[in-house]
Amino acid sequence: LRVMVDVLPPDKVIEGDPWGIPIIFPALFVSLLSLFGVSFLTKKPKPEELTKFFPEKKKEYQKIG
């Protein structure tokens, strides 16, 4: 936090937003980049691991009425 204050002193920050843009945009960019980066770096699950959460049997539903 101290580094941020040295780089962007409060009197130089435009309307409370560093670099003149709302802080949500850089945060969104970093979080999406992290999400995609981690998902591309991890290996795919085995089919038997997926069947625990997504069973293949389909339920048949009765028509009401």
N, C-alpha and C. Protein backbone atom coordinates (compact mmCIF):
# COMPACT_ATOMS: atom_id res chain seq x y z
N LEU A 1 0.84 -1.19 0.00
CA LEU A 1 0.00 0.00 0.00
C LEU A 1 0.88 1.25 0.00
N ARG A 2 1.98 1.17 0.70
CA ARG A 2 2.88 2.32 0.76
C ARG A 2 3.44 2.64 -0.63
N VAL A 3 3.71 1.61 -1.42
CA VAL A 3 4.22 1.81 -2.78
C VAL A 3 3.20 2.57 -3.61
N MET A 4 1.90 2.21 -3.47
CA MET A 4 0.84 2.90 -4.22
C MET A 4 0.80 4.38 -3.86
N VAL A 5 0.97 4.69 -2.59
CA VAL A 5 0.92 6.09 -2.16
C VAL A 5 2.11 6.85 -2.73
N ASP A 6 3.27 6.20 -2.81
CA ASP A 6 4.44 6.86 -3.39
C ASP A 6 4.27 7.08 -4.89
N VAL A 7 3.70 6.08 -5.58
CA VAL A 7 3.53 6.17 -7.03
C VAL A 7 2.39 7.11 -7.39
N LEU A 8 1.27 6.96 -6.70
CA LEU A 8 0.09 7.80 -6.95
C LEU A 8 -0.31 8.54 -5.68
N PRO A 9 0.31 9.68 -5.40
CA PRO A 9 -0.06 10.42 -4.20
C PRO A 9 -1.52 10.87 -4.28
N PRO A 10 -2.22 10.89 -3.15
CA PRO A 10 -3.65 11.22 -3.15
C PRO A 10 -3.99 12.55 -3.81
N ASP A 11 -3.10 13.54 -3.73
CA ASP A 11 -3.41 14.84 -4.34
C ASP A 11 -3.29 14.81 -5.86
N LYS A 12 -2.67 13.78 -6.43
CA LYS A 12 -2.51 13.66 -7.88
C LYS A 12 -3.54 12.72 -8.51
N VAL A 13 -4.33 12.03 -7.70
CA VAL A 13 -5.31 11.07 -8.21
C VAL A 13 -6.55 11.82 -8.64
N ILE A 14 -7.01 11.58 -9.88
CA ILE A 14 -8.15 12.29 -10.46
C ILE A 14 -9.45 11.73 -9.89
N GLU A 15 -10.20 12.54 -9.17
CA GLU A 15 -11.49 12.17 -8.60
C GLU A 15 -11.45 10.85 -7.83
N GLY A 16 -10.33 10.55 -7.20
CA GLY A 16 -10.21 9.33 -6.41
C GLY A 16 -9.92 8.08 -7.20
N ASP A 17 -9.81 8.20 -8.51
CA ASP A 17 -9.54 7.03 -9.35
C ASP A 17 -8.12 7.11 -9.90
N PRO A 18 -7.30 6.10 -9.61
CA PRO A 18 -5.94 6.13 -10.17
C PRO A 18 -5.99 6.05 -11.69
N TRP A 19 -5.11 6.72 -12.34
CA TRP A 19 -5.00 6.77 -13.80
C TRP A 19 -6.24 7.34 -14.48
N GLY A 20 -7.16 7.93 -13.72
CA GLY A 20 -8.33 8.58 -14.30
C GLY A 20 -9.45 7.65 -14.73
N ILE A 21 -9.34 6.35 -14.43
CA ILE A 21 -10.42 5.40 -14.77
C ILE A 21 -10.89 4.73 -13.49
N PRO A 22 -12.16 4.34 -13.42
CA PRO A 22 -12.65 3.65 -12.22
C PRO A 22 -11.85 2.37 -11.97
N ILE A 23 -11.55 2.11 -10.72
CA ILE A 23 -10.69 0.99 -10.33
C ILE A 23 -11.33 -0.36 -10.68
N ILE A 24 -12.64 -0.40 -10.91
CA ILE A 24 -13.30 -1.66 -11.23
C ILE A 24 -12.81 -2.24 -12.56
N PHE A 25 -12.44 -1.38 -13.51
CA PHE A 25 -12.01 -1.88 -14.82
C PHE A 25 -10.68 -2.63 -14.77
N PRO A 26 -9.64 -2.08 -14.14
CA PRO A 26 -8.42 -2.88 -14.02
C PRO A 26 -8.64 -4.14 -13.18
N ALA A 27 -9.47 -4.04 -12.15
CA ALA A 27 -9.74 -5.22 -11.31
C ALA A 27 -10.45 -6.29 -12.12
N LEU A 28 -11.41 -5.90 -12.94
CA LEU A 28 -12.12 -6.85 -13.79
C LEU A 28 -11.17 -7.50 -14.79
N PHE A 29 -10.32 -6.71 -15.39
CA PHE A 29 -9.35 -7.22 -16.36
C PHE A 29 -8.41 -8.24 -15.72
N VAL A 30 -7.88 -7.92 -14.55
CA VAL A 30 -6.96 -8.83 -13.86
C VAL A 30 -7.68 -10.11 -13.44
N SER A 31 -8.91 -10.00 -12.95
CA SER A 31 -9.63 -11.20 -12.52
C SER A 31 -9.98 -12.10 -13.70
N LEU A 32 -10.40 -11.52 -14.82
CA LEU A 32 -10.70 -12.34 -16.00
C LEU A 32 -9.44 -12.97 -16.58
N LEU A 33 -8.36 -12.22 -16.59
CA LEU A 33 -7.09 -12.77 -17.06
C LEU A 33 -6.65 -13.94 -16.18
N SER A 34 -6.81 -13.80 -14.88
CA SER A 34 -6.47 -14.89 -13.96
C SER A 34 -7.36 -16.10 -14.17
N LEU A 35 -8.65 -15.87 -14.34
CA LEU A 35 -9.59 -16.96 -14.55
C LEU A 35 -9.24 -17.77 -15.79
N PHE A 36 -9.02 -17.09 -16.90
CA PHE A 36 -8.68 -17.79 -18.14
C PHE A 36 -7.28 -18.40 -18.07
N GLY A 37 -6.35 -17.71 -17.47
CA GLY A 37 -4.99 -18.23 -17.35
C GLY A 37 -4.93 -19.52 -16.57
N VAL A 38 -5.60 -19.55 -15.43
CA VAL A 38 -5.60 -20.77 -14.61
C VAL A 38 -6.33 -21.89 -15.32
N SER A 39 -7.44 -21.60 -15.98
CA SER A 39 -8.17 -22.67 -16.65
C SER A 39 -7.40 -23.23 -17.84
N PHE A 40 -6.59 -22.42 -18.51
CA PHE A 40 -5.77 -22.94 -19.61
C PHE A 40 -4.57 -23.73 -19.11
N LEU A 41 -4.09 -23.43 -17.91
CA LEU A 41 -2.91 -24.10 -17.38
C LEU A 41 -3.22 -25.41 -16.66
N THR A 42 -4.47 -25.62 -16.25
CA THR A 42 -4.80 -26.86 -15.56
C THR A 42 -5.18 -27.94 -16.57
N LYS A 43 -4.96 -29.19 -16.17
CA LYS A 43 -5.27 -30.30 -17.08
C LYS A 43 -6.76 -30.60 -17.05
N LYS A 44 -7.23 -31.23 -18.11
CA LYS A 44 -8.65 -31.58 -18.20
C LYS A 44 -8.95 -32.72 -17.23
N PRO A 45 -10.15 -32.73 -16.64
CA PRO A 45 -10.50 -33.84 -15.74
C PRO A 45 -10.77 -35.11 -16.53
N LYS A 46 -10.58 -36.23 -15.87
CA LYS A 46 -10.85 -37.53 -16.50
C LYS A 46 -12.36 -37.70 -16.60
N PRO A 47 -12.83 -38.46 -17.60
CA PRO A 47 -14.28 -38.66 -17.75
C PRO A 47 -14.94 -39.26 -16.51
N GLU A 48 -14.25 -40.17 -15.82
CA GLU A 48 -14.85 -40.76 -14.62
C GLU A 48 -14.98 -39.74 -13.48
N GLU A 49 -14.13 -38.74 -13.46
CA GLU A 49 -14.29 -37.67 -12.46
C GLU A 49 -15.51 -36.81 -12.77
N LEU A 50 -15.77 -36.60 -14.05
CA LEU A 50 -16.92 -35.78 -14.43
C LEU A 50 -18.25 -36.48 -14.17
N THR A 51 -18.26 -37.80 -14.27
CA THR A 51 -19.53 -38.51 -14.06
C THR A 51 -20.01 -38.42 -12.62
N LYS A 52 -19.14 -38.12 -11.68
CA LYS A 52 -19.57 -37.91 -10.30
C LYS A 52 -20.53 -36.72 -10.22
N PHE A 53 -20.23 -35.70 -10.98
CA PHE A 53 -21.00 -34.46 -10.91
C PHE A 53 -22.06 -34.35 -12.00
N PHE A 54 -21.83 -35.01 -13.13
CA PHE A 54 -22.76 -34.96 -14.25
C PHE A 54 -23.07 -36.38 -14.72
N PRO A 55 -23.97 -37.07 -14.01
CA PRO A 55 -24.29 -38.45 -14.42
C PRO A 55 -24.95 -38.46 -15.80
N GLU A 56 -24.75 -39.56 -16.52
CA GLU A 56 -25.23 -39.63 -17.90
C GLU A 56 -26.66 -40.11 -18.03
N LYS A 57 -27.22 -40.69 -16.98
CA LYS A 57 -28.59 -41.17 -17.12
C LYS A 57 -29.57 -40.00 -17.12
N LYS A 58 -30.54 -40.12 -18.00
CA LYS A 58 -31.53 -39.06 -18.13
C LYS A 58 -32.83 -39.51 -17.47
N LYS A 59 -33.43 -38.63 -16.74
CA LYS A 59 -34.71 -38.94 -16.12
C LYS A 59 -35.81 -38.67 -17.12
N GLU A 60 -36.79 -39.54 -17.09
CA GLU A 60 -37.95 -39.32 -17.96
C GLU A 60 -39.03 -38.66 -17.12
N TYR A 61 -39.60 -37.65 -17.67
CA TYR A 61 -40.62 -36.90 -16.96
C TYR A 61 -41.99 -37.25 -17.53
N GLN A 62 -42.97 -37.33 -16.63
CA GLN A 62 -44.34 -37.59 -17.05
C GLN A 62 -45.01 -36.28 -17.41
N LYS A 63 -45.87 -36.36 -18.40
CA LYS A 63 -46.66 -35.19 -18.76
C LYS A 63 -47.80 -35.06 -17.76
N ILE A 64 -47.99 -33.89 -17.26
CA ILE A 64 -49.09 -33.66 -16.32
C ILE A 64 -50.23 -33.01 -17.09
N GLY A 65 -51.42 -33.61 -16.96
CA GLY A 65 -52.58 -32.99 -17.59
C GLY A 65 -53.11 -33.75 -18.69
